[in-house]
Amino acid sequence: MPRILDGAAIAAQIRQEVAAEVAALAARGIRPGLAAVLVGHVAASEIYVRNKVKTCEELGIYSEMLTPPESVTTDEMLALVADLNRREEIDGILLQLPLPPQVDSKRLLDAILPEKDVDGFHPVNAGRLQAGRPALAPCTPAGVIEILKRSGIPIAGARAVVVGRSDIVGKPVAMLLLHENATVTLCHSKTRDLASITREADILVAAIGRAGFLTAEMVRPGATIIDVGINRITDRAEFERFFAGDARREETFARRGAVLVGDVDPHAFALAGAYTPVPGGVGPLTIAMLMANTVKAARLRRGL
């Protein structure tokens, strides 16, 4: 039977460690601070940001949520970011994406001071990550590495294949795996004969944003599968394709009209040596690593 890698349990461990770090900083008169900026009223984003703020409160991190209106302009947002950059009690700035179409997201992300960029999206942090220098790494890729390490999955010397080349997940997770001495291949939707490459992977990271894109034929028996994808399934035919005969998922689908599936076809997990489920795998690590990055930013900004 394949081993299920419990992201929720690992995230709980990290939160405990962060709480201990926050307490140690408090003894020195330092309280890490996070500002979350949420534009407009997107229900999913509101829930996500509230969860981040709630986690801050639980761990002793100062937090505040700023909610500009949907009609906000790029210049108004730049002024808000500039104010947060100046505030000494704010160590991390989180800009919840997506932003309204009239707002220039790239200009805003670039305007955040690199030392307060707890999402790890700033070009300076991307460059530091590539160079192997101390940096604030994107939260989801950092969480992937924590899952592997804390689950005792060997990385050094392993053949790692990453499917997906986004700046948010694919590229940084490939770089982090490389820094852990894996031999890394980065693939994408235009890769020729993708299955022949993914079947070589000891560690297979799926981050392409397509429901069930990686099938059983693309997995080497015994591989570790890290499924970063979160896709909402509402179509009955698609549900049957992935979850026919799964009573628990059937009950969820009947009650909510939707279920979640990753970028890996669930049938492929039977071949794995270990895998992250969806939900409950990589997802919980994202907020935990955001908290860890906020504390790291507080320490780095003070030269600790």
Protein backbone atom coordinates (compact mmCIF):
# COMPACT_ATOMS: atom_id res chain seq x y z
CA MET A 1 0.00 0.00 0.00
CA PRO A 2 1.33 3.48 -0.83
CA ARG A 3 2.10 5.78 2.06
CA ILE A 4 -0.06 8.89 2.41
CA LEU A 5 1.98 12.01 3.27
CA ASP A 6 -0.13 13.94 5.77
CA GLY A 7 0.34 17.62 4.99
CA ALA A 8 -1.97 18.72 7.79
CA ALA A 9 0.14 16.94 10.43
CA ILE A 10 3.37 18.40 9.04
CA ALA A 11 1.82 21.88 8.90
CA ALA A 12 0.84 21.51 12.58
CA GLN A 13 4.48 20.70 13.45
CA ILE A 14 5.69 23.80 11.62
CA ARG A 15 3.11 26.01 13.33
CA GLN A 16 4.32 24.75 16.72
CA GLU A 17 7.90 25.59 15.77
CA VAL A 18 6.87 29.04 14.55
CA ALA A 19 4.99 29.69 17.80
CA ALA A 20 8.15 28.83 19.75
CA GLU A 21 10.20 31.22 17.58
CA VAL A 22 7.62 33.98 18.09
CA ALA A 23 7.81 33.45 21.85
CA ALA A 24 11.62 33.64 21.74
CA LEU A 25 11.47 36.90 19.77
CA ALA A 26 8.87 38.29 22.18
CA ALA A 27 11.38 37.77 25.01
CA ARG A 28 13.63 40.20 23.09
CA GLY A 29 10.83 42.72 22.60
CA ILE A 30 10.15 41.76 18.98
CA ARG A 31 6.77 40.80 17.55
CA PRO A 32 6.68 39.76 13.88
CA GLY A 33 3.96 41.52 11.89
CA LEU A 34 2.05 40.60 8.72
CA ALA A 35 -0.19 42.86 6.63
CA ALA A 36 -2.63 41.12 4.29
CA VAL A 37 -4.12 43.17 1.45
CA LEU A 38 -7.39 41.88 -0.01
CA VAL A 39 -9.05 43.87 -2.80
CA GLY A 40 -12.79 43.58 -3.34
CA HIS A 41 -15.03 40.69 -2.34
CA VAL A 42 -13.98 37.34 -3.79
CA ALA A 43 -15.45 34.73 -1.43
CA ALA A 44 -12.64 32.18 -1.77
CA SER A 45 -9.96 34.84 -1.26
CA GLU A 46 -11.77 36.27 1.76
CA ILE A 47 -11.85 32.86 3.43
CA TYR A 48 -8.19 32.25 2.59
CA VAL A 49 -7.03 35.61 3.97
CA ARG A 50 -9.14 35.25 7.10
CA ASN A 51 -7.51 31.88 7.73
CA LYS A 52 -4.10 33.50 7.41
CA VAL A 53 -5.00 36.27 9.86
CA LYS A 54 -6.51 33.74 12.28
CA THR A 55 -3.34 31.63 12.14
CA CYS A 56 -1.26 34.74 12.91
CA GLU A 57 -3.36 35.38 16.01
CA GLU A 58 -2.98 31.77 17.16
CA LEU A 59 0.82 31.92 16.83
CA GLY A 60 1.30 35.35 18.39
CA ILE A 61 2.12 37.19 15.15
CA TYR A 62 0.71 40.70 14.78
CA SER A 63 -1.56 40.94 11.77
CA GLU A 64 -3.91 43.30 10.04
CA MET A 65 -6.12 42.98 6.99
CA LEU A 66 -6.49 45.89 4.58
CA THR A 67 -9.47 45.81 2.20
CA PRO A 68 -9.34 48.41 -0.59
CA PRO A 69 -12.49 48.58 -2.75
CA GLU A 70 -12.88 46.72 -6.04
CA SER A 71 -12.56 50.08 -7.87
CA VAL A 72 -9.07 50.81 -6.49
CA THR A 73 -6.45 52.06 -8.96
CA THR A 74 -2.85 50.98 -9.43
CA ASP A 75 -1.60 54.32 -8.07
CA GLU A 76 -3.76 53.98 -4.95
CA MET A 77 -2.45 50.46 -4.39
CA LEU A 78 1.15 51.63 -4.90
CA ALA A 79 0.61 54.28 -2.23
CA LEU A 80 -0.77 51.64 0.15
CA VAL A 81 2.23 49.37 -0.45
CA ALA A 82 4.64 52.28 0.04
CA ASP A 83 3.04 53.00 3.42
CA LEU A 84 3.39 49.36 4.48
CA ASN A 85 7.02 49.37 3.32
CA ARG A 86 7.68 52.29 5.68
CA ARG A 87 6.01 50.79 8.73
CA GLU A 88 8.56 49.23 11.06
CA GLU A 89 6.06 46.93 12.80
CA ILE A 90 5.17 45.25 9.48
CA ASP A 91 7.68 42.53 8.56
CA GLY A 92 5.66 40.87 5.81
CA ILE A 93 3.30 42.16 3.12
CA LEU A 94 0.88 39.70 1.55
CA LEU A 95 -0.92 40.83 -1.60
CA GLN A 96 -3.78 38.42 -2.23
CA LEU A 97 -4.11 37.52 -5.90
CA PRO A 98 -5.85 37.82 -8.28
CA LEU A 99 -6.30 41.58 -8.34
CA PRO A 100 -8.98 43.43 -10.38
CA PRO A 101 -8.11 43.82 -14.08
CA GLN A 102 -7.46 47.59 -13.84
CA VAL A 103 -4.67 47.01 -11.29
CA ASP A 104 -1.12 46.26 -12.51
CA SER A 105 -0.21 43.23 -10.39
CA LYS A 106 3.42 43.06 -11.49
CA ARG A 107 4.08 46.69 -10.59
CA LEU A 108 2.63 46.09 -7.14
CA LEU A 109 4.55 42.90 -6.48
CA ASP A 110 7.76 44.61 -7.57
CA ALA A 111 6.97 47.58 -5.28
CA ILE A 112 7.00 45.44 -2.13
CA LEU A 113 10.39 45.60 -0.42
CA PRO A 114 12.20 42.28 -1.01
CA GLU A 115 12.80 41.92 2.73
CA LYS A 116 9.01 42.13 3.33
CA ASP A 117 8.07 39.89 0.38
CA VAL A 118 6.83 36.90 2.40
CA ASP A 119 5.28 35.33 -0.73
CA GLY A 120 8.75 35.17 -2.31
CA PHE A 121 7.56 36.63 -5.63
CA HIS A 122 9.89 39.64 -5.92
CA PRO A 123 12.58 39.34 -8.65
CA VAL A 124 15.27 40.00 -6.03
CA ASN A 125 14.11 37.03 -3.95
CA ALA A 126 13.82 34.90 -7.10
CA GLY A 127 17.43 35.80 -7.93
CA ARG A 128 18.62 35.04 -4.41
CA LEU A 129 16.84 31.69 -4.52
CA GLN A 130 18.49 30.84 -7.86
CA ALA A 131 21.89 31.81 -6.44
CA GLY A 132 21.40 29.72 -3.30
CA ARG A 133 21.58 32.77 -1.03
CA PRO A 134 19.33 33.46 1.99
CA ALA A 135 15.93 34.42 0.61
CA LEU A 136 12.22 34.32 1.28
CA ALA A 137 11.15 31.35 -0.87
CA PRO A 138 7.60 31.02 -2.25
CA CYS A 139 5.44 29.31 0.35
CA THR A 140 4.07 26.35 -1.62
CA PRO A 141 7.47 25.23 -3.03
CA ALA A 142 9.03 25.59 0.42
CA GLY A 143 6.19 23.46 1.78
CA VAL A 144 6.91 20.75 -0.79
CA ILE A 145 10.49 20.49 0.47
CA GLU A 146 9.30 20.33 4.08
CA ILE A 147 6.92 17.47 3.25
CA LEU A 148 9.72 15.49 1.63
CA LYS A 149 12.26 16.14 4.38
CA ARG A 150 9.93 15.57 7.32
CA SER A 151 8.56 12.40 5.71
CA GLY A 152 12.05 10.95 5.33
CA ILE A 153 11.92 10.92 1.52
CA PRO A 154 15.54 11.00 0.19
CA ILE A 155 16.12 14.01 -2.06
CA ALA A 156 19.88 14.01 -2.60
CA GLY A 157 20.70 11.97 -5.70
CA ALA A 158 17.04 11.38 -6.55
CA ARG A 159 15.65 11.92 -10.04
CA ALA A 160 13.04 14.67 -9.61
CA VAL A 161 10.64 15.66 -12.36
CA VAL A 162 8.56 18.83 -12.01
CA VAL A 163 5.59 19.20 -14.36
CA GLY A 164 4.67 22.88 -14.58
CA ARG A 165 6.88 25.95 -15.06
CA SER A 166 5.06 28.77 -13.26
CA ASP A 167 7.04 31.42 -11.40
CA ILE A 168 4.96 30.68 -8.30
CA VAL A 169 5.46 26.89 -8.04
CA GLY A 170 7.17 25.07 -10.90
CA LYS A 171 10.38 27.05 -11.30
CA PRO A 172 11.06 27.68 -7.58
CA VAL A 173 10.32 24.09 -6.53
CA ALA A 174 12.72 22.86 -9.23
CA MET A 175 15.39 25.23 -7.87
CA LEU A 176 14.81 24.15 -4.26
CA LEU A 177 15.07 20.48 -5.25
CA LEU A 178 18.31 21.26 -7.10
CA HIS A 179 19.71 22.93 -3.98
CA GLU A 180 18.88 19.71 -2.09
CA ASN A 181 21.07 17.83 -4.63
CA ALA A 182 18.33 16.19 -6.64
CA THR A 183 18.80 15.74 -10.40
CA VAL A 184 15.93 17.86 -11.70
CA THR A 185 14.01 17.90 -14.98
CA LEU A 186 11.48 20.70 -15.48
CA CYS A 187 8.66 19.83 -17.89
CA HIS A 188 5.53 21.58 -19.14
CA SER A 189 2.57 21.21 -21.50
CA LYS A 190 4.80 21.49 -24.59
CA THR A 191 7.29 18.81 -23.48
CA ARG A 192 7.57 16.04 -26.09
CA ASP A 193 6.85 12.48 -24.93
CA LEU A 194 6.21 13.71 -21.39
CA ALA A 195 5.32 10.23 -20.09
CA SER A 196 8.76 8.85 -20.92
CA ILE A 197 10.30 11.56 -18.71
CA THR A 198 7.85 11.37 -15.80
CA ARG A 199 8.30 7.58 -15.64
CA GLU A 200 11.96 8.17 -14.73
CA ALA A 201 11.07 10.19 -11.63
CA ASP A 202 11.82 9.08 -8.09
CA ILE A 203 10.05 12.28 -7.03
CA LEU A 204 7.27 13.54 -9.30
CA VAL A 205 5.87 17.02 -8.62
CA ALA A 206 2.64 17.87 -10.43
CA ALA A 207 1.98 21.62 -10.68
CA ILE A 208 0.46 22.18 -14.10
CA GLY A 209 -3.04 23.27 -13.09
CA ARG A 210 -5.01 20.64 -15.00
CA ALA A 211 -7.33 18.18 -13.28
CA GLY A 212 -5.98 14.63 -13.40
CA PHE A 213 -3.41 15.54 -16.05
CA LEU A 214 -0.85 12.95 -14.91
CA THR A 215 -2.20 9.44 -15.34
CA ALA A 216 -1.07 6.04 -14.06
CA GLU A 217 0.83 5.40 -17.31
CA MET A 218 3.05 8.38 -16.49
CA VAL A 219 4.19 7.16 -13.05
CA ARG A 220 7.09 4.87 -12.17
CA PRO A 221 6.02 2.23 -9.62
CA GLY A 222 7.28 3.22 -6.19
CA ALA A 223 7.74 6.92 -6.99
CA THR A 224 6.88 9.68 -4.53
CA ILE A 225 4.13 11.87 -5.99
CA ILE A 226 3.70 15.44 -4.77
CA ASP A 227 0.40 16.77 -6.13
CA VAL A 228 0.30 20.56 -5.88
CA GLY A 229 -2.86 20.97 -7.97
CA ILE A 230 -6.24 21.95 -6.57
CA ASN A 231 -9.02 21.70 -9.15
CA ARG A 232 -12.77 21.90 -8.48
CA ILE A 233 -14.83 19.23 -10.23
CA THR A 234 -18.53 20.03 -10.79
CA ASP A 235 -19.26 17.90 -13.87
CA ARG A 236 -20.79 14.47 -13.19
CA ALA A 237 -18.98 12.78 -16.10
CA GLU A 238 -15.64 14.14 -14.91
CA PHE A 239 -16.45 13.03 -11.37
CA GLU A 240 -17.13 9.50 -12.60
CA ARG A 241 -13.85 9.48 -14.49
CA PHE A 242 -11.86 10.14 -11.33
CA PHE A 243 -13.97 8.85 -8.43
CA ALA A 244 -16.41 6.19 -9.64
CA GLY A 245 -17.10 3.83 -6.74
CA ASP A 246 -15.66 6.17 -4.09
CA ALA A 247 -18.53 6.37 -1.58
CA ARG A 248 -16.96 9.14 0.51
CA ARG A 249 -16.38 11.39 -2.50
CA GLU A 250 -19.83 10.54 -3.83
CA GLU A 251 -21.40 11.78 -0.60
CA THR A 252 -19.38 15.01 -0.80
CA PHE A 253 -20.31 15.54 -4.45
CA ALA A 254 -24.00 14.96 -3.72
CA ARG A 255 -23.95 17.39 -0.77
CA ARG A 256 -21.81 20.17 -2.22
CA GLY A 257 -22.11 19.68 -5.97
CA ALA A 258 -18.33 19.64 -6.26
CA VAL A 259 -15.18 17.83 -5.12
CA LEU A 260 -11.49 18.62 -5.35
CA VAL A 261 -8.99 16.74 -7.46
CA GLY A 262 -5.30 17.42 -7.98
CA ASP A 263 -3.20 17.47 -11.13
CA VAL A 264 -2.71 13.70 -10.76
CA ASP A 265 -5.41 11.20 -11.69
CA PRO A 266 -6.27 9.51 -8.34
CA HIS A 267 -5.89 6.08 -10.00
CA ALA A 268 -2.16 6.79 -10.35
CA PHE A 269 -1.65 6.88 -6.58
CA ALA A 270 -1.98 3.09 -6.38
CA LEU A 271 1.42 2.83 -8.10
CA ALA A 272 3.16 5.30 -5.78
CA GLY A 273 5.45 4.51 -2.89
CA ALA A 274 4.15 7.68 -1.22
CA TYR A 275 1.90 10.55 -2.24
CA THR A 276 0.21 13.75 -1.06
CA PRO A 277 -3.60 13.61 -1.16
CA VAL A 278 -5.87 16.38 -2.40
CA PRO A 279 -7.12 17.91 -0.19
CA GLY A 280 -4.89 17.51 2.88
CA GLY A 281 -1.48 17.29 1.22
CA VAL A 282 0.44 20.34 0.04
CA GLY A 283 -2.38 22.82 0.73
CA PRO A 284 -2.03 23.07 4.53
CA LEU A 285 1.70 23.77 4.15
CA THR A 286 1.15 27.03 2.27
CA ILE A 287 -0.20 28.97 5.26
CA ALA A 288 2.30 27.31 7.63
CA MET A 289 5.20 28.39 5.42
CA LEU A 290 3.76 31.91 5.18
CA MET A 291 3.94 32.10 8.97
CA ALA A 292 7.50 30.74 8.89
CA ASN A 293 8.46 33.32 6.24
CA THR A 294 6.99 36.15 8.33
CA VAL A 295 9.13 35.16 11.31
CA LYS A 296 12.15 34.69 9.03
CA ALA A 297 11.59 38.18 7.59
CA ALA A 298 11.40 39.62 11.12
CA ARG A 299 14.72 38.01 11.99
CA LEU A 300 16.50 38.92 8.74
CA ARG A 301 15.33 42.55 8.89
CA ARG A 302 16.92 42.84 12.35
CA GLY A 303 20.10 41.00 11.44
CA LEU A 304 19.32 38.05 13.71
